[in-house]
Amino acid sequence: AVLVTDAMAAMGLPPGTYNLGNVSVELSEKGGVQRATRQGSETLAGAVVPLDECVRRFRRATGCGVVRALEAASLHPARL
């Protein structure tokens, strides 16, 4: 497995509307999960999940150990 993230510049910002380049992006949060959509639509604008959270989610979803999850986020992408 290879873990990557397409986290955008809005990652870590509080909920609100931001101009990223020529696109207006709305950040919202529900149940501790942040979401980025193009303003006024439900179209996803990109990810706002940092890679460390991807590793945690991967571990929860697969039940794998820390080493395997970290390799999926570092060693495996580097080899590719």
PDB file of N, CA and C in Angstrom:
ATOM      1  N   ALA A   1       0.846  -1.186   0.000  1.00  0.00           N
ATOM      2  CA  ALA A   1       0.000   0.000   0.000  1.00  0.00           C
ATOM      3  C   ALA A   1       0.882   1.236   0.000  1.00  0.00           C
ATOM      4  N   VAL A   2       0.386   2.285  -0.655  1.00  0.00           N
ATOM      5  CA  VAL A   2       1.066   3.577  -0.704  1.00  0.00           C
ATOM      6  C   VAL A   2       0.078   4.640  -0.251  1.00  0.00           C
ATOM      7  N   LEU A   3       0.437   5.383   0.794  1.00  0.00           N
ATOM      8  CA  LEU A   3      -0.412   6.468   1.274  1.00  0.00           C
ATOM      9  C   LEU A   3       0.128   7.788   0.764  1.00  0.00           C
ATOM     10  N   VAL A   4      -0.751   8.617   0.223  1.00  0.00           N
ATOM     11  CA  VAL A   4      -0.414   9.970  -0.216  1.00  0.00           C
ATOM     12  C   VAL A   4      -1.559  10.886   0.194  1.00  0.00           C
ATOM     13  N   THR A   5      -1.326  12.170   0.140  1.00  0.00           N
ATOM     14  CA  THR A   5      -2.390  13.132   0.390  1.00  0.00           C
ATOM     15  C   THR A   5      -2.310  14.233  -0.661  1.00  0.00           C
ATOM     16  N   ASP A   6      -3.441  14.729  -1.054  1.00  0.00           N
ATOM     17  CA  ASP A   6      -3.472  15.881  -1.956  1.00  0.00           C
ATOM     18  C   ASP A   6      -3.877  17.129  -1.170  1.00  0.00           C
ATOM     19  N   ALA A   7      -3.422  17.188   0.074  1.00  0.00           N
ATOM     20  CA  ALA A   7      -3.784  18.312   0.940  1.00  0.00           C
ATOM     21  C   ALA A   7      -3.453  19.639   0.267  1.00  0.00           C
ATOM     22  N   MET A   8      -4.380  20.548   0.377  1.00  0.00           N
ATOM     23  CA  MET A   8      -4.243  21.850  -0.257  1.00  0.00           C
ATOM     24  C   MET A   8      -3.829  22.906   0.763  1.00  0.00           C
ATOM     25  N   ALA A   9      -3.572  24.099   0.280  1.00  0.00           N
ATOM     26  CA  ALA A   9      -3.096  25.193   1.126  1.00  0.00           C
ATOM     27  C   ALA A   9      -4.063  25.534   2.256  1.00  0.00           C
ATOM     28  N   ALA A  10      -5.326  25.167   2.137  1.00  0.00           N
ATOM     29  CA  ALA A  10      -6.323  25.481   3.165  1.00  0.00           C
ATOM     30  C   ALA A  10      -6.248  24.543   4.369  1.00  0.00           C
ATOM     31  N   MET A  11      -5.441  23.511   4.291  1.00  0.00           N
ATOM     32  CA  MET A  11      -5.347  22.560   5.391  1.00  0.00           C
ATOM     33  C   MET A  11      -4.947  23.283   6.673  1.00  0.00           C
ATOM     34  N   GLY A  12      -5.688  23.013   7.737  1.00  0.00           N
ATOM     35  CA  GLY A  12      -5.381  23.599   9.034  1.00  0.00           C
ATOM     36  C   GLY A  12      -6.062  24.933   9.307  1.00  0.00           C
ATOM     37  N   LEU A  13      -6.701  25.504   8.308  1.00  0.00           N
ATOM     38  CA  LEU A  13      -7.411  26.771   8.509  1.00  0.00           C
ATOM     39  C   LEU A  13      -8.773  26.505   9.145  1.00  0.00           C
ATOM     40  N   PRO A  14      -9.306  27.474   9.867  1.00  0.00           N
ATOM     41  CA  PRO A  14     -10.638  27.295  10.451  1.00  0.00           C
ATOM     42  C   PRO A  14     -11.719  27.327   9.372  1.00  0.00           C
ATOM     43  N   PRO A  15     -12.912  26.803   9.686  1.00  0.00           N
ATOM     44  CA  PRO A  15     -14.007  26.860   8.715  1.00  0.00           C
ATOM     45  C   PRO A  15     -14.222  28.279   8.207  1.00  0.00           C
ATOM     46  N   GLY A  16     -14.533  28.385   6.923  1.00  0.00           N
ATOM     47  CA  GLY A  16     -14.760  29.682   6.294  1.00  0.00           C
ATOM     48  C   GLY A  16     -14.540  29.570   4.799  1.00  0.00           C
ATOM     49  N   THR A  17     -14.562  30.714   4.135  1.00  0.00           N
ATOM     50  CA  THR A  17     -14.369  30.771   2.687  1.00  0.00           C
ATOM     51  C   THR A  17     -13.022  31.402   2.399  1.00  0.00           C
ATOM     52  N   TYR A  18     -12.267  30.776   1.508  1.00  0.00           N
ATOM     53  CA  TYR A  18     -10.924  31.236   1.172  1.00  0.00           C
ATOM     54  C   TYR A  18     -10.749  31.245  -0.338  1.00  0.00           C
ATOM     55  N   ASN A  19      -9.979  32.205  -0.832  1.00  0.00           N
ATOM     56  CA  ASN A  19      -9.614  32.246  -2.238  1.00  0.00           C
ATOM     57  C   ASN A  19      -8.257  31.585  -2.386  1.00  0.00           C
ATOM     58  N   LEU A  20      -8.235  30.496  -3.110  1.00  0.00           N
ATOM     59  CA  LEU A  20      -7.000  29.772  -3.375  1.00  0.00           C
ATOM     60  C   LEU A  20      -6.756  29.819  -4.875  1.00  0.00           C
ATOM     61  N   GLY A  21      -5.850  30.683  -5.269  1.00  0.00           N
ATOM     62  CA  GLY A  21      -5.672  30.921  -6.697  1.00  0.00           C
ATOM     63  C   GLY A  21      -6.916  31.603  -7.212  1.00  0.00           C
ATOM     64  N   ASN A  22      -7.507  31.064  -8.252  1.00  0.00           N
ATOM     65  CA  ASN A  22      -8.729  31.658  -8.803  1.00  0.00           C
ATOM     66  C   ASN A  22      -9.986  30.892  -8.383  1.00  0.00           C
ATOM     67  N   VAL A  23      -9.890  30.077  -7.321  1.00  0.00           N
ATOM     68  CA  VAL A  23     -11.017  29.271  -6.856  1.00  0.00           C
ATOM     69  C   VAL A  23     -11.381  29.663  -5.427  1.00  0.00           C
ATOM     70  N   SER A  24     -12.671  29.901  -5.194  1.00  0.00           N
ATOM     71  CA  SER A  24     -13.154  30.140  -3.838  1.00  0.00           C
ATOM     72  C   SER A  24     -13.527  28.804  -3.224  1.00  0.00           C
ATOM     73  N   VAL A  25     -12.951  28.541  -2.060  1.00  0.00           N
ATOM     74  CA  VAL A  25     -13.120  27.251  -1.391  1.00  0.00           C
ATOM     75  C   VAL A  25     -13.782  27.467  -0.043  1.00  0.00           C
ATOM     76  N   GLU A  26     -14.790  26.650   0.252  1.00  0.00           N
ATOM     77  CA  GLU A  26     -15.449  26.686   1.558  1.00  0.00           C
ATOM     78  C   GLU A  26     -14.942  25.526   2.397  1.00  0.00           C
ATOM     79  N   LEU A  27     -14.439  25.849   3.581  1.00  0.00           N
ATOM     80  CA  LEU A  27     -14.047  24.814   4.528  1.00  0.00           C
ATOM     81  C   LEU A  27     -15.152  24.673   5.556  1.00  0.00           C
ATOM     82  N   SER A  28     -15.562  23.448   5.796  1.00  0.00           N
ATOM     83  CA  SER A  28     -16.578  23.183   6.811  1.00  0.00           C
ATOM     84  C   SER A  28     -16.091  22.026   7.672  1.00  0.00           C
ATOM     85  N   GLU A  29     -16.702  21.887   8.822  1.00  0.00           N
ATOM     86  CA  GLU A  29     -16.316  20.800   9.719  1.00  0.00           C
ATOM     87  C   GLU A  29     -17.567  20.209  10.341  1.00  0.00           C
ATOM     88  N   LYS A  30     -17.612  18.886  10.351  1.00  0.00           N
ATOM     89  CA  LYS A  30     -18.743  18.191  10.952  1.00  0.00           C
ATOM     90  C   LYS A  30     -18.211  16.933  11.625  1.00  0.00           C
ATOM     91  N   GLY A  31     -18.478  16.808  12.904  1.00  0.00           N
ATOM     92  CA  GLY A  31     -18.025  15.641  13.639  1.00  0.00           C
ATOM     93  C   GLY A  31     -16.517  15.497  13.684  1.00  0.00           C
ATOM     94  N   GLY A  32     -15.816  16.615  13.665  1.00  0.00           N
ATOM     95  CA  GLY A  32     -14.358  16.577  13.710  1.00  0.00           C
ATOM     96  C   GLY A  32     -13.696  16.300  12.374  1.00  0.00           C
ATOM     97  N   VAL A  33     -14.484  16.192  11.308  1.00  0.00           N
ATOM     98  CA  VAL A  33     -13.945  15.942   9.976  1.00  0.00           C
ATOM     99  C   VAL A  33     -14.075  17.211   9.147  1.00  0.00           C
ATOM    100  N   GLN A  34     -12.948  17.689   8.635  1.00  0.00           N
ATOM    101  CA  GLN A  34     -12.952  18.905   7.831  1.00  0.00           C
ATOM    102  C   GLN A  34     -13.149  18.543   6.362  1.00  0.00           C
ATOM    103  N   ARG A  35     -13.825  19.422   5.638  1.00  0.00           N
ATOM    104  CA  ARG A  35     -14.150  19.181   4.234  1.00  0.00           C
ATOM    105  C   ARG A  35     -13.959  20.472   3.449  1.00  0.00           C
ATOM    106  N   ALA A  36     -13.411  20.375   2.249  1.00  0.00           N
ATOM    107  CA  ALA A  36     -13.206  21.533   1.377  1.00  0.00           C
ATOM    108  C   ALA A  36     -14.001  21.346   0.091  1.00  0.00           C
ATOM    109  N   THR A  37     -14.883  22.305  -0.210  1.00  0.00           N
ATOM    110  CA  THR A  37     -15.677  22.258  -1.439  1.00  0.00           C
ATOM    111  C   THR A  37     -15.557  23.586  -2.167  1.00  0.00           C
ATOM    112  N   ARG A  38     -15.818  23.553  -3.465  1.00  0.00           N
ATOM    113  CA  ARG A  38     -15.874  24.809  -4.222  1.00  0.00           C
ATOM    114  C   ARG A  38     -17.045  25.604  -3.676  1.00  0.00           C
ATOM    115  N   GLN A  39     -16.854  26.888  -3.507  1.00  0.00           N
ATOM    116  CA  GLN A  39     -17.877  27.732  -2.903  1.00  0.00           C
ATOM    117  C   GLN A  39     -19.205  27.592  -3.636  1.00  0.00           C
ATOM    118  N   GLY A  40     -20.268  27.378  -2.858  1.00  0.00           N
ATOM    119  CA  GLY A  40     -21.617  27.295  -3.407  1.00  0.00           C
ATOM    120  C   GLY A  40     -21.959  25.961  -4.041  1.00  0.00           C
ATOM    121  N   SER A  41     -21.122  24.939  -3.833  1.00  0.00           N
ATOM    122  CA  SER A  41     -21.408  23.630  -4.437  1.00  0.00           C
ATOM    123  C   SER A  41     -21.008  22.525  -3.466  1.00  0.00           C
ATOM    124  N   GLU A  42     -21.249  21.305  -3.875  1.00  0.00           N
ATOM    125  CA  GLU A  42     -20.818  20.136  -3.113  1.00  0.00           C
ATOM    126  C   GLU A  42     -19.597  19.483  -3.762  1.00  0.00           C
ATOM    127  N   THR A  43     -19.015  20.153  -4.761  1.00  0.00           N
ATOM    128  CA  THR A  43     -17.851  19.625  -5.462  1.00  0.00           C
ATOM    129  C   THR A  43     -16.621  19.736  -4.582  1.00  0.00           C
ATOM    130  N   LEU A  44     -15.977  18.601  -4.323  1.00  0.00           N
ATOM    131  CA  LEU A  44     -14.772  18.621  -3.498  1.00  0.00           C
ATOM    132  C   LEU A  44     -13.680  19.426  -4.193  1.00  0.00           C
ATOM    133  N   ALA A  45     -12.979  20.227  -3.410  1.00  0.00           N
ATOM    134  CA  ALA A  45     -11.932  21.088  -3.949  1.00  0.00           C
ATOM    135  C   ALA A  45     -10.546  20.502  -3.717  1.00  0.00           C
ATOM    136  N   GLY A  46     -10.446  19.478  -2.927  1.00  0.00           N
ATOM    137  CA  GLY A  46      -9.167  18.873  -2.581  1.00  0.00           C
ATOM    138  C   GLY A  46      -9.227  18.385  -1.157  1.00  0.00           C
ATOM    139  N   ALA A  47      -8.134  17.825  -0.712  1.00  0.00           N
ATOM    140  CA  ALA A  47      -8.107  17.274   0.637  1.00  0.00           C
ATOM    141  C   ALA A  47      -7.581  18.296   1.635  1.00  0.00           C
ATOM    142  N   VAL A  48      -7.999  18.152   2.864  1.00  0.00           N
ATOM    143  CA  VAL A  48      -7.496  18.980   3.960  1.00  0.00           C
ATOM    144  C   VAL A  48      -7.065  18.071   5.112  1.00  0.00           C
ATOM    145  N   VAL A  49      -6.634  16.867   4.734  1.00  0.00           N
ATOM    146  CA  VAL A  49      -6.202  15.872   5.720  1.00  0.00           C
ATOM    147  C   VAL A  49      -4.685  15.744   5.643  1.00  0.00           C
ATOM    148  N   PRO A  50      -3.991  15.990   6.749  1.00  0.00           N
ATOM    149  CA  PRO A  50      -2.532  15.827   6.734  1.00  0.00           C
ATOM    150  C   PRO A  50      -2.151  14.340   6.683  1.00  0.00           C
ATOM    151  N   LEU A  51      -0.953  14.068   6.224  1.00  0.00           N
ATOM    152  CA  LEU A  51      -0.521  12.689   6.039  1.00  0.00           C
ATOM    153  C   LEU A  51      -0.508  11.899   7.338  1.00  0.00           C
ATOM    154  N   ASP A  52      -0.190  12.549   8.462  1.00  0.00           N
ATOM    155  CA  ASP A  52      -0.193  11.806   9.725  1.00  0.00           C
ATOM    156  C   ASP A  52      -1.593  11.292  10.070  1.00  0.00           C
ATOM    157  N   GLU A  53      -2.617  12.059   9.713  1.00  0.00           N
ATOM    158  CA  GLU A  53      -3.993  11.590   9.939  1.00  0.00           C
ATOM    159  C   GLU A  53      -4.326  10.455   8.979  1.00  0.00           C
ATOM    160  N   CYS A  54      -3.807  10.506   7.763  1.00  0.00           N
ATOM    161  CA  CYS A  54      -4.003   9.403   6.817  1.00  0.00           C
ATOM    162  C   CYS A  54      -3.419   8.117   7.386  1.00  0.00           C
ATOM    163  N   VAL A  55      -2.251   8.222   8.015  1.00  0.00           N
ATOM    164  CA  VAL A  55      -1.611   7.054   8.622  1.00  0.00           C
ATOM    165  C   VAL A  55      -2.491   6.493   9.731  1.00  0.00           C
ATOM    166  N   ARG A  56      -3.031   7.365  10.593  1.00  0.00           N
ATOM    167  CA  ARG A  56      -3.909   6.895  11.675  1.00  0.00           C
ATOM    168  C   ARG A  56      -5.160   6.215  11.117  1.00  0.00           C
ATOM    169  N   ARG A  57      -5.759   6.819  10.106  1.00  0.00           N
ATOM    170  CA  ARG A  57      -6.968   6.230   9.511  1.00  0.00           C
ATOM    171  C   ARG A  57      -6.668   4.890   8.854  1.00  0.00           C
ATOM    172  N   PHE A  58      -5.523   4.799   8.199  1.00  0.00           N
ATOM    173  CA  PHE A  58      -5.109   3.550   7.566  1.00  0.00           C
ATOM    174  C   PHE A  58      -4.953   2.452   8.614  1.00  0.00           C
ATOM    175  N   ARG A  59      -4.337   2.785   9.736  1.00  0.00           N
ATOM    176  CA  ARG A  59      -4.157   1.812  10.820  1.00  0.00           C
ATOM    177  C   ARG A  59      -5.509   1.335  11.345  1.00  0.00           C
ATOM    178  N   ARG A  60      -6.433   2.291  11.583  1.00  0.00           N
ATOM    179  CA  ARG A  60      -7.760   1.909  12.090  1.00  0.00           C
ATOM    180  C   ARG A  60      -8.502   1.031  11.086  1.00  0.00           C
ATOM    181  N   ALA A  61      -8.407   1.376   9.812  1.00  0.00           N
ATOM    182  CA  ALA A  61      -9.154   0.649   8.786  1.00  0.00           C
ATOM    183  C   ALA A  61      -8.595  -0.748   8.532  1.00  0.00           C
ATOM    184  N   THR A  62      -7.279  -0.909   8.657  1.00  0.00           N
ATOM    185  CA  THR A  62      -6.660  -2.189   8.307  1.00  0.00           C
ATOM    186  C   THR A  62      -6.237  -3.020   9.509  1.00  0.00           C
ATOM    187  N   GLY A  63      -6.054  -2.358  10.647  1.00  0.00           N
ATOM    188  CA  GLY A  63      -5.559  -3.063  11.823  1.00  0.00           C
ATOM    189  C   GLY A  63      -4.070  -3.359  11.764  1.00  0.00           C
ATOM    190  N   CYS A  64      -3.362  -2.734  10.819  1.00  0.00           N
ATOM    191  CA  CYS A  64      -1.927  -2.985  10.699  1.00  0.00           C
ATOM    192  C   CYS A  64      -1.158  -2.269  11.813  1.00  0.00           C
ATOM    193  N   GLY A  65       0.091  -2.625  11.964  1.00  0.00           N
ATOM    194  CA  GLY A  65       0.935  -2.022  12.983  1.00  0.00           C
ATOM    195  C   GLY A  65       1.516  -0.689  12.544  1.00  0.00           C
ATOM    196  N   VAL A  66       2.167  -0.033  13.476  1.00  0.00           N
ATOM    197  CA  VAL A  66       2.751   1.281  13.227  1.00  0.00           C
ATOM    198  C   VAL A  66       3.795   1.225  12.114  1.00  0.00           C
ATOM    199  N   VAL A  67       4.664   0.233  12.152  1.00  0.00           N
ATOM    200  CA  VAL A  67       5.744   0.144  11.153  1.00  0.00           C
ATOM    201  C   VAL A  67       5.161   0.016   9.757  1.00  0.00           C
ATOM    202  N   ARG A  68       4.204  -0.870   9.587  1.00  0.00           N
ATOM    203  CA  ARG A  68       3.607  -1.064   8.253  1.00  0.00           C
ATOM    204  C   ARG A  68       2.923   0.216   7.758  1.00  0.00           C
ATOM    205  N   ALA A  69       2.222   0.902   8.647  1.00  0.00           N
ATOM    206  CA  ALA A  69       1.540   2.139   8.256  1.00  0.00           C
ATOM    207  C   ALA A  69       2.539   3.230   7.887  1.00  0.00           C
ATOM    208  N   LEU A  70       3.597   3.367   8.674  1.00  0.00           N
ATOM    209  CA  LEU A  70       4.604   4.387   8.363  1.00  0.00           C
ATOM    210  C   LEU A  70       5.355   4.071   7.074  1.00  0.00           C
ATOM    211  N   GLU A  71       5.607   2.798   6.823  1.00  0.00           N
ATOM    212  CA  GLU A  71       6.241   2.422   5.555  1.00  0.00           C
ATOM    213  C   GLU A  71       5.342   2.756   4.370  1.00  0.00           C
ATOM    214  N   ALA A  72       4.024   2.605   4.552  1.00  0.00           N
ATOM    215  CA  ALA A  72       3.076   2.930   3.479  1.00  0.00           C
ATOM    216  C   ALA A  72       3.073   4.416   3.157  1.00  0.00           C
ATOM    217  N   ALA A  73       3.474   5.244   4.136  1.00  0.00           N
ATOM    218  CA  ALA A  73       3.489   6.697   3.942  1.00  0.00           C
ATOM    219  C   ALA A  73       4.871   7.245   3.613  1.00  0.00           C
ATOM    220  N   SER A  74       5.892   6.420   3.706  1.00  0.00           N
ATOM    221  CA  SER A  74       7.244   6.951   3.496  1.00  0.00           C
ATOM    222  C   SER A  74       8.077   6.047   2.577  1.00  0.00           C
ATOM    223  N   LEU A  75       8.375   4.840   3.003  1.00  0.00           N
ATOM    224  CA  LEU A  75       9.229   3.935   2.239  1.00  0.00           C
ATOM    225  C   LEU A  75       8.615   3.573   0.891  1.00  0.00           C
ATOM    226  N   HIS A  76       7.358   3.156   0.883  1.00  0.00           N
ATOM    227  CA  HIS A  76       6.726   2.716  -0.360  1.00  0.00           C
ATOM    228  C   HIS A  76       6.606   3.850  -1.385  1.00  0.00           C
ATOM    229  N   PRO A  77       6.161   5.059  -0.994  1.00  0.00           N
ATOM    230  CA  PRO A  77       6.142   6.154  -1.980  1.00  0.00           C
ATOM    231  C   PRO A  77       7.548   6.488  -2.495  1.00  0.00           C
ATOM    232  N   ALA A  78       8.553   6.428  -1.617  1.00  0.00           N
ATOM    233  CA  ALA A  78       9.928   6.747  -2.031  1.00  0.00           C
ATOM    234  C   ALA A  78      10.416   5.731  -3.058  1.00  0.00           C
ATOM    235  N   ARG A  79      10.051   4.475  -2.874  1.00  0.00           N
ATOM    236  CA  ARG A  79      10.471   3.440  -3.835  1.00  0.00           C
ATOM    237  C   ARG A  79       9.796   3.615  -5.188  1.00  0.00           C
ATOM    238  N   LEU A  80       8.563   4.087  -5.165  1.00  0.00           N
ATOM    239  CA  LEU A  80       7.851   4.293  -6.437  1.00  0.00           C
ATOM    240  C   LEU A  80       8.398   5.493  -7.165  1.00  0.00           C
TER     241      LEU A  80
END
